[in-house]
Amino acid sequence: MLDANVERELVAAVEVLRVAEEQVAAALRVFLARDPVTGRPVHGRIGRAAEITGWGQQRVKETVTPALAERRRAQRGDAQGSR
């Protein structure tokens, strides 16, 4: 019976984390939005976002740009398949 309670708590905690991560991703998209005048990313924001979140710069970039994450996963898959 204790295992079922612990498992329910774990499932609930994971769901809370997923929601929180989605909120962080949304905030990162706003924080890392391109400059409306130049159309370029604001200098130094990725590094600052990595410091604030405690994530690496790569994870910040992939969180903000999911297509980048998919492309990198595909490249890693191709590299692993050719070994």
PDB file of N, CA and C in Angstrom:
ATOM      1  N   MET A   1       0.821  -1.188   0.000  1.00  0.00           N
ATOM      2  CA  MET A   1       0.000   0.000   0.000  1.00  0.00           C
ATOM      3  C   MET A   1       0.868   1.256   0.000  1.00  0.00           C
ATOM      4  N   LEU A   2       1.954   1.222   0.738  1.00  0.00           N
ATOM      5  CA  LEU A   2       2.853   2.371   0.780  1.00  0.00           C
ATOM      6  C   LEU A   2       3.425   2.658  -0.603  1.00  0.00           C
ATOM      7  N   ASP A   3       3.757   1.628  -1.362  1.00  0.00           N
ATOM      8  CA  ASP A   3       4.312   1.819  -2.697  1.00  0.00           C
ATOM      9  C   ASP A   3       3.333   2.539  -3.605  1.00  0.00           C
ATOM     10  N   ALA A   4       2.053   2.235  -3.505  1.00  0.00           N
ATOM     11  CA  ALA A   4       1.050   2.900  -4.335  1.00  0.00           C
ATOM     12  C   ALA A   4       0.971   4.385  -3.989  1.00  0.00           C
ATOM     13  N   ASN A   5       1.041   4.707  -2.715  1.00  0.00           N
ATOM     14  CA  ASN A   5       1.010   6.114  -2.299  1.00  0.00           C
ATOM     15  C   ASN A   5       2.245   6.860  -2.782  1.00  0.00           C
ATOM     16  N   VAL A   6       3.391   6.222  -2.666  1.00  0.00           N
ATOM     17  CA  VAL A   6       4.639   6.838  -3.110  1.00  0.00           C
ATOM     18  C   VAL A   6       4.602   7.046  -4.622  1.00  0.00           C
ATOM     19  N   GLU A   7       4.083   6.062  -5.333  1.00  0.00           N
ATOM     20  CA  GLU A   7       3.998   6.179  -6.789  1.00  0.00           C
ATOM     21  C   GLU A   7       3.060   7.324  -7.188  1.00  0.00           C
ATOM     22  N   ARG A   8       1.923   7.455  -6.498  1.00  0.00           N
ATOM     23  CA  ARG A   8       0.998   8.558  -6.791  1.00  0.00           C
ATOM     24  C   ARG A   8       1.660   9.902  -6.531  1.00  0.00           C
ATOM     25  N   GLU A   9       2.406   9.994  -5.433  1.00  0.00           N
ATOM     26  CA  GLU A   9       3.122  11.228  -5.122  1.00  0.00           C
ATOM     27  C   GLU A   9       4.153  11.548  -6.197  1.00  0.00           C
ATOM     28  N   LEU A  10       4.846  10.535  -6.670  1.00  0.00           N
ATOM     29  CA  LEU A  10       5.842  10.720  -7.720  1.00  0.00           C
ATOM     30  C   LEU A  10       5.186  11.212  -9.004  1.00  0.00           C
ATOM     31  N   VAL A  11       4.090  10.593  -9.373  1.00  0.00           N
ATOM     32  CA  VAL A  11       3.377  10.991 -10.589  1.00  0.00           C
ATOM     33  C   VAL A  11       2.899  12.438 -10.463  1.00  0.00           C
ATOM     34  N   ALA A  12       2.377  12.803  -9.317  1.00  0.00           N
ATOM     35  CA  ALA A  12       1.912  14.176  -9.097  1.00  0.00           C
ATOM     36  C   ALA A  12       3.079  15.159  -9.164  1.00  0.00           C
ATOM     37  N   ALA A  13       4.205  14.801  -8.568  1.00  0.00           N
ATOM     38  CA  ALA A  13       5.377  15.682  -8.578  1.00  0.00           C
ATOM     39  C   ALA A  13       5.914  15.868  -9.994  1.00  0.00           C
ATOM     40  N   VAL A  14       5.931  14.798 -10.768  1.00  0.00           N
ATOM     41  CA  VAL A  14       6.401  14.885 -12.154  1.00  0.00           C
ATOM     42  C   VAL A  14       5.486  15.800 -12.966  1.00  0.00           C
ATOM     43  N   GLU A  15       4.192  15.712 -12.752  1.00  0.00           N
ATOM     44  CA  GLU A  15       3.249  16.578 -13.462  1.00  0.00           C
ATOM     45  C   GLU A  15       3.480  18.040 -13.096  1.00  0.00           C
ATOM     46  N   VAL A  16       3.717  18.314 -11.820  1.00  0.00           N
ATOM     47  CA  VAL A  16       4.005  19.690 -11.391  1.00  0.00           C
ATOM     48  C   VAL A  16       5.278  20.188 -12.069  1.00  0.00           C
ATOM     49  N   LEU A  17       6.294  19.333 -12.146  1.00  0.00           N
ATOM     50  CA  LEU A  17       7.543  19.715 -12.810  1.00  0.00           C
ATOM     51  C   LEU A  17       7.335  20.000 -14.289  1.00  0.00           C
ATOM     52  N   ARG A  18       6.517  19.195 -14.951  1.00  0.00           N
ATOM     53  CA  ARG A  18       6.242  19.418 -16.380  1.00  0.00           C
ATOM     54  C   ARG A  18       5.576  20.771 -16.598  1.00  0.00           C
ATOM     55  N   VAL A  19       4.606  21.080 -15.769  1.00  0.00           N
ATOM     56  CA  VAL A  19       3.916  22.369 -15.884  1.00  0.00           C
ATOM     57  C   VAL A  19       4.899  23.512 -15.647  1.00  0.00           C
ATOM     58  N   ALA A  20       5.734  23.371 -14.622  1.00  0.00           N
ATOM     59  CA  ALA A  20       6.719  24.407 -14.307  1.00  0.00           C
ATOM     60  C   ALA A  20       7.709  24.571 -15.453  1.00  0.00           C
ATOM     61  N   GLU A  21       8.142  23.460 -16.053  1.00  0.00           N
ATOM     62  CA  GLU A  21       9.090  23.547 -17.169  1.00  0.00           C
ATOM     63  C   GLU A  21       8.451  24.241 -18.365  1.00  0.00           C
ATOM     64  N   GLU A  22       7.177  23.998 -18.617  1.00  0.00           N
ATOM     65  CA  GLU A  22       6.478  24.681 -19.702  1.00  0.00           C
ATOM     66  C   GLU A  22       6.408  26.182 -19.427  1.00  0.00           C
ATOM     67  N   GLN A  23       6.197  26.561 -18.162  1.00  0.00           N
ATOM     68  CA  GLN A  23       6.162  27.981 -17.806  1.00  0.00           C
ATOM     69  C   GLN A  23       7.536  28.622 -17.990  1.00  0.00           C
ATOM     70  N   VAL A  24       8.578  27.902 -17.611  1.00  0.00           N
ATOM     71  CA  VAL A  24       9.943  28.412 -17.800  1.00  0.00           C
ATOM     72  C   VAL A  24      10.228  28.568 -19.289  1.00  0.00           C
ATOM     73  N   ALA A  25       9.825  27.602 -20.094  1.00  0.00           N
ATOM     74  CA  ALA A  25      10.052  27.679 -21.537  1.00  0.00           C
ATOM     75  C   ALA A  25       9.335  28.889 -22.134  1.00  0.00           C
ATOM     76  N   ALA A  26       8.112  29.141 -21.701  1.00  0.00           N
ATOM     77  CA  ALA A  26       7.376  30.303 -22.206  1.00  0.00           C
ATOM     78  C   ALA A  26       8.082  31.605 -21.812  1.00  0.00           C
ATOM     79  N   ALA A  27       8.543  31.676 -20.573  1.00  0.00           N
ATOM     80  CA  ALA A  27       9.263  32.870 -20.120  1.00  0.00           C
ATOM     81  C   ALA A  27      10.568  33.041 -20.885  1.00  0.00           C
ATOM     82  N   LEU A  28      11.250  31.935 -21.171  1.00  0.00           N
ATOM     83  CA  LEU A  28      12.498  32.013 -21.939  1.00  0.00           C
ATOM     84  C   LEU A  28      12.243  32.529 -23.350  1.00  0.00           C
ATOM     85  N   ARG A  29      11.152  32.104 -23.958  1.00  0.00           N
ATOM     86  CA  ARG A  29      10.841  32.573 -25.312  1.00  0.00           C
ATOM     87  C   ARG A  29      10.660  34.089 -25.328  1.00  0.00           C
ATOM     88  N   VAL A  30      10.042  34.620 -24.290  1.00  0.00           N
ATOM     89  CA  VAL A  30       9.864  36.075 -24.195  1.00  0.00           C
ATOM     90  C   VAL A  30      11.211  36.740 -23.921  1.00  0.00           C
ATOM     91  N   PHE A  31      11.970  36.209 -22.980  1.00  0.00           N
ATOM     92  CA  PHE A  31      13.262  36.785 -22.599  1.00  0.00           C
ATOM     93  C   PHE A  31      14.245  36.777 -23.758  1.00  0.00           C
ATOM     94  N   LEU A  32      14.177  35.740 -24.580  1.00  0.00           N
ATOM     95  CA  LEU A  32      15.128  35.587 -25.683  1.00  0.00           C
ATOM     96  C   LEU A  32      14.546  36.020 -27.027  1.00  0.00           C
ATOM     97  N   ALA A  33      13.446  36.746 -27.006  1.00  0.00           N
ATOM     98  CA  ALA A  33      12.843  37.217 -28.262  1.00  0.00           C
ATOM     99  C   ALA A  33      13.833  38.102 -29.004  1.00  0.00           C
ATOM    100  N   ARG A  34      13.732  38.055 -30.300  1.00  0.00           N
ATOM    101  CA  ARG A  34      14.628  38.867 -31.129  1.00  0.00           C
ATOM    102  C   ARG A  34      14.310  40.348 -30.973  1.00  0.00           C
ATOM    103  N   ASP A  35      15.331  41.156 -31.129  1.00  0.00           N
ATOM    104  CA  ASP A  35      15.166  42.602 -31.064  1.00  0.00           C
ATOM    105  C   ASP A  35      14.260  43.027 -32.227  1.00  0.00           C
ATOM    106  N   PRO A  36      13.195  43.767 -31.957  1.00  0.00           N
ATOM    107  CA  PRO A  36      12.271  44.125 -33.033  1.00  0.00           C
ATOM    108  C   PRO A  36      12.889  45.053 -34.081  1.00  0.00           C
ATOM    109  N   VAL A  37      13.915  45.799 -33.721  1.00  0.00           N
ATOM    110  CA  VAL A  37      14.538  46.723 -34.670  1.00  0.00           C
ATOM    111  C   VAL A  37      15.503  45.987 -35.593  1.00  0.00           C
ATOM    112  N   THR A  38      16.383  45.180 -34.993  1.00  0.00           N
ATOM    113  CA  THR A  38      17.423  44.518 -35.788  1.00  0.00           C
ATOM    114  C   THR A  38      17.022  43.128 -36.259  1.00  0.00           C
ATOM    115  N   GLY A  39      16.075  42.513 -35.555  1.00  0.00           N
ATOM    116  CA  GLY A  39      15.687  41.149 -35.905  1.00  0.00           C
ATOM    117  C   GLY A  39      16.677  40.105 -35.410  1.00  0.00           C
ATOM    118  N   ARG A  40      17.674  40.537 -34.662  1.00  0.00           N
ATOM    119  CA  ARG A  40      18.691  39.614 -34.151  1.00  0.00           C
ATOM    120  C   ARG A  40      18.456  39.353 -32.675  1.00  0.00           C
ATOM    121  N   PRO A  41      18.952  38.214 -32.167  1.00  0.00           N
ATOM    122  CA  PRO A  41      18.827  37.943 -30.729  1.00  0.00           C
ATOM    123  C   PRO A  41      19.587  39.009 -29.928  1.00  0.00           C
ATOM    124  N   VAL A  42      19.081  39.313 -28.743  1.00  0.00           N
ATOM    125  CA  VAL A  42      19.736  40.285 -27.885  1.00  0.00           C
ATOM    126  C   VAL A  42      21.028  39.660 -27.347  1.00  0.00           C
ATOM    127  N   HIS A  43      22.132  40.376 -27.493  1.00  0.00           N
ATOM    128  CA  HIS A  43      23.442  39.850 -27.108  1.00  0.00           C
ATOM    129  C   HIS A  43      23.500  39.496 -25.624  1.00  0.00           C
ATOM    130  N   GLY A  44      24.015  38.314 -25.324  1.00  0.00           N
ATOM    131  CA  GLY A  44      24.265  37.890 -23.956  1.00  0.00           C
ATOM    132  C   GLY A  44      23.075  37.278 -23.238  1.00  0.00           C
ATOM    133  N   ARG A  45      21.919  37.241 -23.881  1.00  0.00           N
ATOM    134  CA  ARG A  45      20.733  36.753 -23.194  1.00  0.00           C
ATOM    135  C   ARG A  45      20.744  35.236 -22.997  1.00  0.00           C
ATOM    136  N   ILE A  46      21.292  34.487 -23.939  1.00  0.00           N
ATOM    137  CA  ILE A  46      21.306  33.021 -23.779  1.00  0.00           C
ATOM    138  C   ILE A  46      22.155  32.641 -22.580  1.00  0.00           C
ATOM    139  N   GLY A  47      23.315  33.242 -22.464  1.00  0.00           N
ATOM    140  CA  GLY A  47      24.181  32.965 -21.318  1.00  0.00           C
ATOM    141  C   GLY A  47      23.525  33.355 -20.002  1.00  0.00           C
ATOM    142  N   ARG A  48      22.855  34.502 -19.999  1.00  0.00           N
ATOM    143  CA  ARG A  48      22.175  34.957 -18.772  1.00  0.00           C
ATOM    144  C   ARG A  48      21.018  34.032 -18.431  1.00  0.00           C
ATOM    145  N   ALA A  49      20.276  33.584 -19.439  1.00  0.00           N
ATOM    146  CA  ALA A  49      19.173  32.648 -19.204  1.00  0.00           C
ATOM    147  C   ALA A  49      19.705  31.332 -18.643  1.00  0.00           C
ATOM    148  N   ALA A  50      20.850  30.879 -19.133  1.00  0.00           N
ATOM    149  CA  ALA A  50      21.455  29.657 -18.623  1.00  0.00           C
ATOM    150  C   ALA A  50      21.847  29.823 -17.155  1.00  0.00           C
ATOM    151  N   GLU A  51      22.360  31.000 -16.804  1.00  0.00           N
ATOM    152  CA  GLU A  51      22.717  31.263 -15.403  1.00  0.00           C
ATOM    153  C   GLU A  51      21.480  31.280 -14.518  1.00  0.00           C
ATOM    154  N   ILE A  52      20.427  31.941 -14.978  1.00  0.00           N
ATOM    155  CA  ILE A  52      19.203  32.070 -14.181  1.00  0.00           C
ATOM    156  C   ILE A  52      18.556  30.713 -13.953  1.00  0.00           C
ATOM    157  N   THR A  53      18.462  29.900 -15.004  1.00  0.00           N
ATOM    158  CA  THR A  53      17.763  28.617 -14.907  1.00  0.00           C
ATOM    159  C   THR A  53      18.625  27.508 -14.320  1.00  0.00           C
ATOM    160  N   GLY A  54      19.945  27.658 -14.440  1.00  0.00           N
ATOM    161  CA  GLY A  54      20.829  26.577 -14.012  1.00  0.00           C
ATOM    162  C   GLY A  54      20.973  25.505 -15.083  1.00  0.00           C
ATOM    163  N   TRP A  55      20.403  25.769 -16.247  1.00  0.00           N
ATOM    164  CA  TRP A  55      20.520  24.850 -17.374  1.00  0.00           C
ATOM    165  C   TRP A  55      21.731  25.269 -18.190  1.00  0.00           C
ATOM    166  N   GLY A  56      22.208  24.393 -19.036  1.00  0.00           N
ATOM    167  CA  GLY A  56      23.269  24.763 -19.956  1.00  0.00           C
ATOM    168  C   GLY A  56      22.711  25.602 -21.094  1.00  0.00           C
ATOM    169  N   GLN A  57      23.606  26.281 -21.802  1.00  0.00           N
ATOM    170  CA  GLN A  57      23.164  27.109 -22.929  1.00  0.00           C
ATOM    171  C   GLN A  57      22.472  26.273 -24.000  1.00  0.00           C
ATOM    172  N   GLN A  58      22.971  25.055 -24.207  1.00  0.00           N
ATOM    173  CA  GLN A  58      22.371  24.191 -25.219  1.00  0.00           C
ATOM    174  C   GLN A  58      20.914  23.892 -24.889  1.00  0.00           C
ATOM    175  N   ARG A  59      20.631  23.568 -23.639  1.00  0.00           N
ATOM    176  CA  ARG A  59      19.256  23.267 -23.245  1.00  0.00           C
ATOM    177  C   ARG A  59      18.370  24.501 -23.376  1.00  0.00           C
ATOM    178  N   VAL A  60      18.904  25.666 -23.037  1.00  0.00           N
ATOM    179  CA  VAL A  60      18.134  26.903 -23.192  1.00  0.00           C
ATOM    180  C   VAL A  60      17.775  27.103 -24.657  1.00  0.00           C
ATOM    181  N   LYS A  61      18.752  26.960 -25.539  1.00  0.00           N
ATOM    182  CA  LYS A  61      18.505  27.139 -26.978  1.00  0.00           C
ATOM    183  C   LYS A  61      17.472  26.142 -27.477  1.00  0.00           C
ATOM    184  N   GLU A  62      17.602  24.890 -27.065  1.00  0.00           N
ATOM    185  CA  GLU A  62      16.685  23.856 -27.534  1.00  0.00           C
ATOM    186  C   GLU A  62      15.288  24.025 -26.946  1.00  0.00           C
ATOM    187  N   THR A  63      15.189  24.585 -25.755  1.00  0.00           N
ATOM    188  CA  THR A  63      13.882  24.831 -25.147  1.00  0.00           C
ATOM    189  C   THR A  63      13.146  25.932 -25.901  1.00  0.00           C
ATOM    190  N   VAL A  64      13.885  26.953 -26.288  1.00  0.00           N
ATOM    191  CA  VAL A  64      13.288  28.082 -26.992  1.00  0.00           C
ATOM    192  C   VAL A  64      12.982  27.721 -28.444  1.00  0.00           C
ATOM    193  N   THR A  65      13.813  26.866 -29.038  1.00  0.00           N
ATOM    194  CA  THR A  65      13.649  26.491 -30.445  1.00  0.00           C
ATOM    195  C   THR A  65      13.543  24.970 -30.543  1.00  0.00           C
ATOM    196  N   PRO A  66      12.343  24.408 -30.384  1.00  0.00           N
ATOM    197  CA  PRO A  66      12.183  22.952 -30.434  1.00  0.00           C
ATOM    198  C   PRO A  66      12.682  22.322 -31.736  1.00  0.00           C
ATOM    199  N   ALA A  67      12.587  23.047 -32.851  1.00  0.00           N
ATOM    200  CA  ALA A  67      13.070  22.512 -34.129  1.00  0.00           C
ATOM    201  C   ALA A  67      14.577  22.269 -34.072  1.00  0.00           C
ATOM    202  N   LEU A  68      15.282  23.120 -33.357  1.00  0.00           N
ATOM    203  CA  LEU A  68      16.726  22.945 -33.187  1.00  0.00           C
ATOM    204  C   LEU A  68      17.012  21.647 -32.431  1.00  0.00           C
ATOM    205  N   ALA A  69      16.245  21.395 -31.400  1.00  0.00           N
ATOM    206  CA  ALA A  69      16.424  20.164 -30.622  1.00  0.00           C
ATOM    207  C   ALA A  69      16.177  18.943 -31.495  1.00  0.00           C
ATOM    208  N   GLU A  70      15.120  18.976 -32.296  1.00  0.00           N
ATOM    209  CA  GLU A  70      14.816  17.837 -33.176  1.00  0.00           C
ATOM    210  C   GLU A  70      15.924  17.620 -34.199  1.00  0.00           C
ATOM    211  N   ARG A  71      16.420  18.711 -34.783  1.00  0.00           N
ATOM    212  CA  ARG A  71      17.488  18.605 -35.773  1.00  0.00           C
ATOM    213  C   ARG A  71      18.742  18.010 -35.141  1.00  0.00           C
ATOM    214  N   ARG A  72      19.066  18.434 -33.926  1.00  0.00           N
ATOM    215  CA  ARG A  72      20.263  17.900 -33.263  1.00  0.00           C
ATOM    216  C   ARG A  72      20.090  16.441 -32.884  1.00  0.00           C
ATOM    217  N   ARG A  73      18.890  16.071 -32.447  1.00  0.00           N
ATOM    218  CA  ARG A  73      18.635  14.659 -32.143  1.00  0.00           C
ATOM    219  C   ARG A  73      18.778  13.807 -33.394  1.00  0.00           C
ATOM    220  N   ALA A  74      18.281  14.309 -34.500  1.00  0.00           N
ATOM    221  CA  ALA A  74      18.393  13.574 -35.762  1.00  0.00           C
ATOM    222  C   ALA A  74      19.857  13.424 -36.170  1.00  0.00           C
ATOM    223  N   GLN A  75      20.627  14.482 -35.994  1.00  0.00           N
ATOM    224  CA  GLN A  75      22.053  14.401 -36.334  1.00  0.00           C
ATOM    225  C   GLN A  75      22.771  13.412 -35.436  1.00  0.00           C
ATOM    226  N   ARG A  76      22.450  13.405 -34.156  1.00  0.00           N
ATOM    227  CA  ARG A  76      23.073  12.447 -33.243  1.00  0.00           C
ATOM    228  C   ARG A  76      22.682  11.028 -33.622  1.00  0.00           C
ATOM    229  N   GLY A  77      21.444  10.859 -34.022  1.00  0.00           N
ATOM    230  CA  GLY A  77      20.987   9.542 -34.444  1.00  0.00           C
ATOM    231  C   GLY A  77      21.733   9.061 -35.667  1.00  0.00           C
ATOM    232  N   ASP A  78      21.967   9.965 -36.629  1.00  0.00           N
ATOM    233  CA  ASP A  78      22.706   9.615 -37.835  1.00  0.00           C
ATOM    234  C   ASP A  78      24.159   9.285 -37.495  1.00  0.00           C
ATOM    235  N   ALA A  79      24.750  10.050 -36.598  1.00  0.00           N
ATOM    236  CA  ALA A  79      26.141   9.820 -36.211  1.00  0.00           C
ATOM    237  C   ALA A  79      26.285   8.485 -35.481  1.00  0.00           C
ATOM    238  N   GLN A  80      25.317   8.154 -34.624  1.00  0.00           N
ATOM    239  CA  GLN A  80      25.394   6.893 -33.901  1.00  0.00           C
ATOM    240  C   GLN A  80      25.158   5.711 -34.833  1.00  0.00           C
ATOM    241  N   GLY A  81      24.300   5.901 -35.819  1.00  0.00           N
ATOM    242  CA  GLY A  81      24.003   4.813 -36.753  1.00  0.00           C
ATOM    243  C   GLY A  81      25.165   4.498 -37.674  1.00  0.00           C
ATOM    244  N   SER A  82      26.044   5.478 -37.928  1.00  0.00           N
ATOM    245  CA  SER A  82      27.164   5.265 -38.853  1.00  0.00           C
ATOM    246  C   SER A  82      28.375   4.660 -38.160  1.00  0.00           C
ATOM    247  N   ARG A  83      28.325   4.514 -36.855  1.00  0.00           N
ATOM    248  CA  ARG A  83      29.478   3.967 -36.128  1.00  0.00           C
ATOM    249  C   ARG A  83      29.585   2.495 -36.281  1.00  0.00           C
TER     250      ARG A  83
END
